Amino acid sequence: MLSLIVQRHRIGPILGRHPWVFSGALTRIPDGIESGTPVHLTDETGRFLVSGYFNSYSQIAVRVWGWDASETVDEDFFARRIASAYDLRRDLVLNKKTDSCRIVNSESDLLPGLIVDKYGDYLVVQFHNRGIDRWKDEIVSALKKVLKPKGIYERSDVGGRAKEGKQQYVIPSERSDEGSPTGILSGKIPDQITITENGYKFLVDVKGGQKTGFFLDQRDKRLALQKYCAGKNVLNCFSYTGGFSVYALDAGAKKVVSVDTSQPAIDLAQENFKLNKLDTKKCEFVCEDVKKYLAVCHPERSEGSPNEFDLIILDPPAFIKDRHKIHEGVQGYKKINEAAMRLLPAGGILVTASCSQHLSLTDFRYLLSESAARAGRTLQILETYTHGIDHPQLVSFTEGEYLKCVFARVN
């Protein structure tokens, strides 16, 4: 086992069980180490600290996955990690009304760089870097052993791979002869998978949809939304395949308008309403840029005029892709939230989310206060949500925090 030495004044985060070890914390990194190589980290006296894999010669040198010096890295190693993660979800999430959730959440499940999402009887996996990609065969075998899926599909078309030396990949409908990191790894995968979430049915396009096909991390927020919907006119912005919209209409909303730039997503949203036997006469589906829709289709109302919407949902994609675009992204969040607040009546409800890792919850609240000030409104927070149970976070791994969702009353 390759051993690397940690400088004594850089041991603190490791003892605190942070899953990343930066190159500057190591006394020396030998040449020629392949990404994914198992390593032990020791202090300068030779005392074992943690085990992990060599990530790359970039800033994050080692990704941590254990504290047992005797542990051997093989298929059984991954099976134990996956089984532990699965037990948590099986006990707290999966039941007769919900058959889909995240099974492995990367660093926070001690399998850094690996994402596994369960959609009914199928799995979708992402290998976020070359280090974890080296162990693909063992991981796939372990997944088949523990979860026994009908099929496993890979969606490693993620930007993080490009940053660590792998190109970003185009999504083919099937795995190519060249071994593209997007495609079928095991079994057969239908073009659309029907899942159950809190008793609702949804069609999921795991091959071409966003992320791994569905926003599993918003499951608890969709359920929380329902208490606000009865008799309301609801606008769901960045609606994707209609998750929030389905929950809203079934909870008694008078009308639901779903807006998204993707026509395939809009088409799938309509199918999801039919799948749940909901009254499509109470629905409107708009393929349009949300910013244009808010600004042009529904300009600021004049005082005393009726309001078209009582509840507005803003669940945009990440506006801040990296730390160099924080200012630009913040301005984007401010604009859509200000526009939504201007449209809502006194007592209206705003459900607004951000999945940008580089925007903290505190900073998100601050930009919402600035948006409210510009709109001349008072914003009262009713509920705040972060990650769901199936997206656990290591307490030391603040870098893993990304999702925040605020339910607020606008006055």
Protein backbone atom coordinates (compact mmCIF):
# COMPACT_ATOMS: atom_id res chain seq x y z
CA MET A 1 0.00 0.00 0.00
CA LEU A 2 1.41 3.39 -1.01
CA SER A 3 1.91 5.71 1.97
CA LEU A 4 1.97 9.50 1.84
CA ILE A 5 3.03 11.70 4.73
CA VAL A 6 0.95 14.60 6.04
CA GLN A 7 2.70 17.65 7.45
CA ARG A 8 2.07 17.87 11.19
CA HIS A 9 0.52 21.35 11.02
CA ARG A 10 -1.97 20.16 8.36
CA ILE A 11 -3.37 17.16 10.23
CA GLY A 12 -6.34 18.97 11.83
CA PRO A 13 -8.87 18.62 8.99
CA ILE A 14 -7.95 14.95 8.56
CA LEU A 15 -8.52 14.22 12.25
CA GLY A 16 -11.83 16.08 11.84
CA ARG A 17 -12.64 13.55 9.09
CA HIS A 18 -12.77 15.92 6.18
CA PRO A 19 -12.83 13.75 3.01
CA TRP A 20 -10.37 15.83 0.96
CA VAL A 21 -6.63 16.09 1.44
CA PHE A 22 -4.99 18.87 -0.52
CA SER A 23 -1.62 18.57 -2.19
CA GLY A 24 -0.14 21.29 0.01
CA ALA A 25 -0.80 19.17 3.11
CA LEU A 26 1.55 16.41 1.95
CA THR A 27 5.30 16.47 2.49
CA ARG A 28 5.95 14.94 -0.93
CA ILE A 29 3.99 13.41 -3.80
CA PRO A 30 6.04 10.92 -5.87
CA ASP A 31 5.81 11.04 -9.65
CA GLY A 32 3.86 8.49 -11.63
CA ILE A 33 0.96 7.70 -9.26
CA GLU A 34 -2.13 6.70 -11.21
CA SER A 35 -5.49 8.18 -10.29
CA GLY A 36 -7.44 5.74 -8.14
CA THR A 37 -4.39 4.15 -6.53
CA PRO A 38 -5.22 3.19 -2.89
CA VAL A 39 -3.12 5.14 -0.40
CA HIS A 40 -2.55 5.35 3.34
CA LEU A 41 -1.84 8.71 4.91
CA THR A 42 0.42 8.87 7.95
CA ASP A 43 1.78 11.62 10.14
CA GLU A 44 5.49 12.37 10.24
CA THR A 45 6.03 9.69 12.92
CA GLY A 46 4.50 7.00 10.72
CA ARG A 47 1.18 6.83 12.60
CA PHE A 48 -1.71 5.80 10.33
CA LEU A 49 -4.32 8.51 9.80
CA VAL A 50 -6.70 7.60 6.96
CA SER A 51 -7.03 5.58 3.78
CA GLY A 52 -8.28 6.81 0.43
CA TYR A 53 -7.35 6.94 -3.21
CA PHE A 54 -4.93 9.17 -5.04
CA ASN A 55 -7.09 11.63 -6.92
CA SER A 56 -4.73 13.58 -9.16
CA TYR A 57 -1.83 15.99 -9.19
CA SER A 58 -4.34 18.84 -8.98
CA GLN A 59 -5.40 20.64 -5.81
CA ILE A 60 -7.25 17.69 -4.25
CA ALA A 61 -4.53 15.04 -4.03
CA VAL A 62 -6.34 12.37 -2.01
CA ARG A 63 -10.00 11.55 -1.47
CA VAL A 64 -10.66 9.76 1.82
CA TRP A 65 -12.82 6.66 2.17
CA GLY A 66 -11.82 5.00 5.45
CA TRP A 67 -10.05 4.92 8.79
CA ASP A 68 -9.18 1.24 8.98
CA ALA A 69 -5.57 0.48 8.07
CA SER A 70 -6.31 -3.23 7.57
CA GLU A 71 -9.12 -2.73 5.03
CA THR A 72 -8.47 -4.18 1.58
CA VAL A 73 -9.91 -2.38 -1.45
CA ASP A 74 -11.78 -4.87 -3.62
CA GLU A 75 -15.34 -5.73 -4.65
CA ASP A 76 -16.28 -6.62 -1.07
CA PHE A 77 -15.01 -3.24 0.11
CA PHE A 78 -17.44 -1.48 -2.23
CA ALA A 79 -20.24 -3.91 -1.40
CA ARG A 80 -19.91 -3.05 2.30
CA ARG A 81 -19.99 0.68 1.62
CA ILE A 82 -22.98 0.38 -0.73
CA ALA A 83 -24.88 -1.91 1.66
CA SER A 84 -24.40 0.57 4.51
CA ALA A 85 -25.70 3.42 2.35
CA TYR A 86 -28.62 1.33 1.11
CA ASP A 87 -29.64 0.36 4.65
CA LEU A 88 -30.06 4.04 5.55
CA ARG A 89 -32.33 4.75 2.58
CA ARG A 90 -34.29 1.52 2.99
CA ASP A 91 -35.03 2.36 6.63
CA LEU A 92 -35.89 6.04 6.15
CA VAL A 93 -36.97 6.68 2.55
CA LEU A 94 -37.96 3.64 0.51
CA ASN A 95 -41.45 2.22 1.06
CA LYS A 96 -44.60 1.21 -0.84
CA LYS A 97 -45.18 4.84 -1.91
CA THR A 98 -41.56 5.73 -2.80
CA ASP A 99 -39.32 3.44 -4.82
CA SER A 100 -36.68 5.95 -5.92
CA CYS A 101 -33.96 7.91 -4.14
CA ARG A 102 -30.23 8.54 -4.03
CA ILE A 103 -28.41 5.47 -2.75
CA VAL A 104 -24.79 6.71 -2.71
CA ASN A 105 -23.98 10.38 -2.18
CA SER A 106 -20.28 10.49 -2.98
CA GLU A 107 -17.97 11.70 -0.18
CA SER A 108 -20.77 11.73 2.37
CA ASP A 109 -21.25 7.98 1.97
CA LEU A 110 -17.49 7.36 2.02
CA LEU A 111 -17.34 6.61 -1.69
CA PRO A 112 -15.90 9.90 -2.95
CA GLY A 113 -16.70 10.74 -6.56
CA LEU A 114 -19.49 8.16 -6.87
CA ILE A 115 -23.20 8.93 -7.27
CA VAL A 116 -25.81 6.17 -7.42
CA ASP A 117 -29.49 6.98 -7.93
CA LYS A 118 -32.20 4.35 -7.76
CA TYR A 119 -35.16 4.69 -10.13
CA GLY A 120 -37.52 1.85 -9.38
CA ASP A 121 -35.72 -1.33 -10.42
CA TYR A 122 -32.92 0.53 -12.21
CA LEU A 123 -29.77 2.36 -11.16
CA VAL A 124 -28.07 5.41 -12.66
CA VAL A 125 -24.44 5.97 -11.71
CA GLN A 126 -21.97 8.83 -12.11
CA PHE A 127 -18.21 8.52 -11.79
CA HIS A 128 -17.10 12.09 -11.17
CA ASN A 129 -13.35 11.68 -11.57
CA ARG A 130 -10.68 9.36 -12.92
CA GLY A 131 -9.86 8.01 -9.48
CA ILE A 132 -13.22 6.43 -8.79
CA ASP A 133 -13.59 5.57 -12.48
CA ARG A 134 -10.66 3.15 -12.07
CA TRP A 135 -12.86 1.02 -9.78
CA LYS A 136 -15.87 0.92 -12.11
CA ASP A 137 -15.87 -2.84 -12.63
CA GLU A 138 -15.73 -3.59 -8.90
CA ILE A 139 -18.42 -1.00 -8.16
CA VAL A 140 -20.80 -2.30 -10.82
CA SER A 141 -20.34 -5.85 -9.53
CA ALA A 142 -20.99 -4.67 -5.97
CA LEU A 143 -24.13 -2.80 -7.02
CA LYS A 144 -25.47 -5.91 -8.75
CA LYS A 145 -24.70 -7.99 -5.67
CA VAL A 146 -26.30 -5.63 -3.12
CA LEU A 147 -29.20 -4.06 -5.03
CA LYS A 148 -29.89 -6.60 -7.78
CA PRO A 149 -31.13 -4.01 -10.33
CA LYS A 150 -32.66 -4.87 -13.70
CA GLY A 151 -30.18 -2.50 -15.30
CA ILE A 152 -27.43 0.02 -14.56
CA TYR A 153 -26.94 3.13 -16.68
CA GLU A 154 -23.95 5.47 -16.54
CA ARG A 155 -24.34 9.25 -16.71
CA SER A 156 -20.78 10.48 -16.16
CA ASP A 157 -21.38 13.51 -18.40
CA VAL A 158 -20.47 15.92 -15.60
CA GLY A 159 -18.32 19.04 -15.63
CA GLY A 160 -16.17 17.92 -12.70
CA ARG A 161 -14.51 15.30 -14.87
CA ALA A 162 -13.35 17.99 -17.29
CA LYS A 163 -11.77 19.96 -14.45
CA GLU A 164 -9.78 16.93 -13.37
CA GLY A 165 -8.50 15.98 -16.78
CA LYS A 166 -11.29 14.08 -18.51
CA GLN A 167 -13.27 15.52 -21.35
CA GLN A 168 -16.94 16.32 -20.93
CA TYR A 169 -19.02 13.84 -22.85
CA VAL A 170 -22.00 14.05 -25.15
CA ILE A 171 -24.86 11.76 -24.15
CA PRO A 172 -25.45 8.98 -26.69
CA SER A 173 -28.59 6.89 -26.62
CA GLU A 174 -26.50 3.75 -26.24
CA ARG A 175 -22.96 2.95 -25.14
CA SER A 176 -20.52 3.47 -28.01
CA ASP A 177 -17.85 1.06 -29.18
CA GLU A 178 -15.20 3.45 -27.89
CA GLY A 179 -16.43 2.95 -24.31
CA SER A 180 -18.09 6.30 -23.78
CA PRO A 181 -18.76 6.95 -20.06
CA THR A 182 -22.47 7.31 -20.79
CA GLY A 183 -24.47 4.20 -21.55
CA ILE A 184 -25.63 0.82 -20.34
CA LEU A 185 -23.31 -0.92 -17.88
CA SER A 186 -25.60 -3.84 -17.05
CA GLY A 187 -28.94 -5.28 -18.13
CA LYS A 188 -31.40 -3.29 -20.21
CA ILE A 189 -32.59 0.29 -19.72
CA PRO A 190 -35.93 1.49 -21.13
CA ASP A 191 -36.12 4.93 -22.74
CA GLN A 192 -38.42 6.00 -19.90
CA ILE A 193 -38.65 4.56 -16.40
CA THR A 194 -41.83 4.91 -14.35
CA ILE A 195 -41.09 5.68 -10.70
CA THR A 196 -43.21 6.22 -7.60
CA GLU A 197 -42.60 9.14 -5.24
CA ASN A 198 -44.88 9.77 -2.27
CA GLY A 199 -47.57 7.87 -4.13
CA TYR A 200 -47.24 9.85 -7.39
CA LYS A 201 -46.04 8.38 -10.67
CA PHE A 202 -43.38 10.05 -12.81
CA LEU A 203 -41.75 9.17 -16.10
CA VAL A 204 -37.98 9.59 -15.94
CA ASP A 205 -35.65 9.95 -18.93
CA VAL A 206 -32.40 8.67 -17.43
CA LYS A 207 -30.59 8.73 -20.79
CA GLY A 208 -31.19 12.34 -21.77
CA GLY A 209 -32.74 14.12 -18.80
CA GLN A 210 -31.05 16.61 -16.49
CA LYS A 211 -28.69 15.27 -13.81
CA THR A 212 -29.51 11.56 -13.64
CA GLY A 213 -33.05 12.10 -14.95
CA PHE A 214 -35.07 13.52 -12.04
CA PHE A 215 -34.53 15.93 -9.15
CA LEU A 216 -34.66 13.42 -6.32
CA ASP A 217 -33.28 15.99 -3.89
CA GLN A 218 -36.53 18.01 -4.01
CA ARG A 219 -38.81 15.15 -2.90
CA ASP A 220 -39.40 16.54 0.61
CA LYS A 221 -39.91 20.09 -0.71
CA ARG A 222 -42.53 18.91 -3.19
CA LEU A 223 -44.42 17.28 -0.34
CA ALA A 224 -44.07 20.37 1.86
CA LEU A 225 -45.52 22.53 -0.95
CA GLN A 226 -48.92 20.88 -0.78
CA LYS A 227 -50.11 22.65 2.36
CA TYR A 228 -50.01 25.99 0.50
CA CYS A 229 -51.82 25.01 -2.72
CA ALA A 230 -55.55 24.62 -2.09
CA GLY A 231 -57.56 27.07 -4.19
CA LYS A 232 -54.43 28.85 -5.44
CA ASN A 233 -53.17 29.79 -8.88
CA VAL A 234 -49.66 28.35 -9.07
CA LEU A 235 -46.77 29.27 -11.36
CA ASN A 236 -43.99 26.68 -11.50
CA CYS A 237 -40.88 28.21 -13.07
CA PHE A 238 -38.07 25.98 -14.36
CA SER A 239 -40.68 23.25 -14.08
CA TYR A 240 -38.66 20.51 -15.83
CA THR A 241 -40.91 17.42 -15.98
CA GLY A 242 -43.55 18.86 -13.66
CA GLY A 243 -42.70 17.47 -10.23
CA PHE A 244 -43.85 20.47 -8.21
CA SER A 245 -46.76 20.99 -10.61
CA VAL A 246 -48.19 17.48 -10.10
CA TYR A 247 -48.02 17.86 -6.31
CA ALA A 248 -49.63 21.31 -6.47
CA LEU A 249 -52.60 20.33 -8.62
CA ASP A 250 -53.33 17.19 -6.63
CA ALA A 251 -53.27 19.29 -3.44
CA GLY A 252 -56.18 21.38 -4.74
CA ALA A 253 -54.60 24.18 -6.75
CA LYS A 254 -57.11 26.03 -8.93
CA LYS A 255 -54.66 26.30 -11.83
CA VAL A 256 -51.03 25.38 -12.44
CA VAL A 257 -48.81 26.95 -15.09
CA SER A 258 -45.51 25.14 -15.83
CA VAL A 259 -42.73 27.05 -17.60
CA ASP A 260 -39.48 25.55 -18.90
CA THR A 261 -37.14 26.14 -21.86
CA SER A 262 -37.03 22.46 -22.79
CA GLN A 263 -39.85 21.20 -24.99
CA PRO A 264 -39.02 17.53 -24.23
CA ALA A 265 -39.31 18.32 -20.51
CA ILE A 266 -42.64 20.08 -21.08
CA ASP A 267 -43.88 17.10 -23.10
CA LEU A 268 -42.89 14.73 -20.31
CA ALA A 269 -44.60 16.98 -17.75
CA GLN A 270 -47.86 16.66 -19.66
CA GLU A 271 -47.46 12.89 -19.68
CA ASN A 272 -46.87 12.94 -15.91
CA PHE A 273 -50.18 14.76 -15.36
CA LYS A 274 -51.97 12.13 -17.41
CA LEU A 275 -50.12 9.35 -15.59
CA ASN A 276 -51.49 10.66 -12.28
CA LYS A 277 -55.01 11.10 -13.73
CA LEU A 278 -55.04 14.84 -13.04
CA ASP A 279 -57.31 17.34 -14.78
CA THR A 280 -55.15 18.78 -17.56
CA LYS A 281 -57.79 21.50 -18.15
CA LYS A 282 -56.44 23.13 -15.00
CA CYS A 283 -52.90 23.11 -16.41
CA GLU A 284 -50.97 25.29 -18.82
CA PHE A 285 -47.59 24.31 -20.24
CA VAL A 286 -45.30 27.00 -21.61
CA CYS A 287 -41.99 26.40 -23.39
CA GLU A 288 -40.27 29.70 -22.71
CA ASP A 289 -37.30 31.26 -20.96
CA VAL A 290 -38.46 31.99 -17.41
CA LYS A 291 -36.81 35.41 -17.27
CA LYS A 292 -38.64 36.45 -20.44
CA TYR A 293 -41.88 34.93 -19.20
CA LEU A 294 -41.75 36.85 -15.93
CA ALA A 295 -40.70 40.11 -17.56
CA VAL A 296 -42.66 40.10 -20.85
CA CYS A 297 -45.63 37.80 -20.54
CA HIS A 298 -46.50 39.03 -17.08
CA PRO A 299 -45.22 42.59 -16.59
CA GLU A 300 -45.46 44.30 -13.23
CA ARG A 301 -49.07 44.73 -12.21
CA SER A 302 -50.59 48.14 -11.56
CA GLU A 303 -51.82 48.91 -8.05
CA GLY A 304 -55.21 47.41 -7.37
CA SER A 305 -55.17 45.08 -10.38
CA PRO A 306 -55.88 41.37 -9.81
CA ASN A 307 -52.99 38.98 -9.42
CA GLU A 308 -52.76 36.04 -11.74
CA PHE A 309 -50.68 33.93 -9.37
CA ASP A 310 -50.96 33.32 -5.63
CA LEU A 311 -47.95 31.01 -5.39
CA ILE A 312 -44.75 31.02 -7.44
CA ILE A 313 -42.08 28.32 -7.45
CA LEU A 314 -38.53 29.15 -8.57
CA ASP A 315 -36.36 26.05 -8.90
CA PRO A 316 -33.68 27.08 -11.41
CA PRO A 317 -30.55 25.20 -12.46
CA ALA A 318 -27.33 26.29 -10.80
CA PHE A 319 -26.67 29.89 -11.84
CA ILE A 320 -23.20 29.72 -10.29
CA LYS A 321 -21.21 27.00 -12.05
CA ASP A 322 -17.90 27.83 -10.36
CA ARG A 323 -16.45 30.33 -7.90
CA HIS A 324 -15.43 32.69 -10.71
CA LYS A 325 -19.08 33.31 -11.62
CA ILE A 326 -20.51 34.10 -8.20
CA HIS A 327 -21.34 37.74 -8.94
CA GLU A 328 -22.99 36.93 -12.26
CA GLY A 329 -25.00 34.11 -10.71
CA VAL A 330 -26.14 36.18 -7.74
CA GLN A 331 -27.47 38.82 -10.09
CA GLY A 332 -29.45 36.14 -11.91
CA TYR A 333 -31.01 34.91 -8.68
CA LYS A 334 -31.84 38.48 -7.65
CA LYS A 335 -33.61 39.25 -10.92
CA ILE A 336 -35.91 36.24 -10.98
CA ASN A 337 -36.79 36.56 -7.30
CA GLU A 338 -37.51 40.27 -7.62
CA ALA A 339 -39.72 39.61 -10.64
CA ALA A 340 -41.63 36.89 -8.80
CA MET A 341 -42.17 39.08 -5.73
CA ARG A 342 -43.57 41.88 -7.88
CA LEU A 343 -46.16 39.49 -9.31
CA LEU A 344 -47.41 38.06 -6.04
CA PRO A 345 -50.24 39.61 -4.01
CA ALA A 346 -49.95 40.48 -0.32
CA GLY A 347 -49.89 37.14 1.47
CA GLY A 348 -48.69 35.33 -1.65
CA ILE A 349 -46.26 32.44 -1.29
CA LEU A 350 -42.81 32.28 -2.88
CA VAL A 351 -40.98 28.94 -2.95
CA THR A 352 -37.46 29.68 -4.10
CA ALA A 353 -34.45 27.40 -4.36
CA SER A 354 -30.78 27.43 -5.30
CA CYS A 355 -28.64 24.37 -6.08
CA SER A 356 -25.43 26.40 -6.46
CA GLN A 357 -22.69 24.99 -4.26
CA HIS A 358 -20.86 28.31 -4.22
CA LEU A 359 -23.83 30.14 -2.66
CA SER A 360 -24.34 29.61 1.07
CA LEU A 361 -27.75 29.66 2.74
CA THR A 362 -26.79 32.88 4.51
CA ASP A 363 -25.84 34.54 1.22
CA PHE A 364 -29.02 33.22 -0.39
CA ARG A 365 -31.11 34.86 2.34
CA TYR A 366 -29.18 38.08 1.88
CA LEU A 367 -29.82 38.22 -1.87
CA LEU A 368 -33.50 37.49 -1.22
CA SER A 369 -33.63 40.46 1.16
CA GLU A 370 -32.08 42.66 -1.53
CA SER A 371 -34.59 41.38 -4.09
CA ALA A 372 -37.45 42.10 -1.69
CA ALA A 373 -36.15 45.61 -1.09
CA ARG A 374 -35.97 46.33 -4.82
CA ALA A 375 -39.51 45.00 -5.26
CA GLY A 376 -40.76 47.05 -2.31
CA ARG A 377 -41.96 43.91 -0.53
CA THR A 378 -41.53 42.33 2.89
CA LEU A 379 -40.44 38.69 2.83
CA GLN A 380 -41.30 36.45 5.78
CA ILE A 381 -39.60 33.04 5.84
CA LEU A 382 -41.96 30.23 6.82
CA GLU A 383 -39.81 27.16 6.19
CA THR A 384 -36.24 26.42 5.16
CA TYR A 385 -35.00 23.16 3.65
CA THR A 386 -31.61 21.83 2.61
CA HIS A 387 -30.64 18.31 1.55
CA GLY A 388 -33.02 15.37 1.95
CA ILE A 389 -32.38 12.26 4.05
CA ASP A 390 -31.07 10.39 1.01
CA HIS A 391 -28.52 13.16 0.38
CA PRO A 392 -26.73 13.08 3.78
CA GLN A 393 -23.75 15.32 4.47
CA LEU A 394 -20.64 14.65 6.51
CA VAL A 395 -20.56 17.31 9.22
CA SER A 396 -17.01 18.30 8.25
CA PHE A 397 -17.74 18.44 4.52
CA THR A 398 -19.26 21.89 4.08
CA GLU A 399 -18.18 21.82 0.43
CA GLY A 400 -20.88 19.21 -0.13
CA GLU A 401 -23.67 21.63 0.80
CA TYR A 402 -25.46 22.90 -2.28
CA LEU A 403 -29.26 22.85 -2.01
CA LYS A 404 -31.27 25.41 -0.16
CA CYS A 405 -35.01 26.07 -0.47
CA VAL A 406 -37.03 28.81 1.21
CA PHE A 407 -40.81 28.96 1.61
CA ALA A 408 -41.79 32.57 2.26
CA ARG A 409 -44.82 34.83 2.48
CA VAL A 410 -44.68 38.05 0.50
CA ASN A 411 -46.28 41.21 1.88
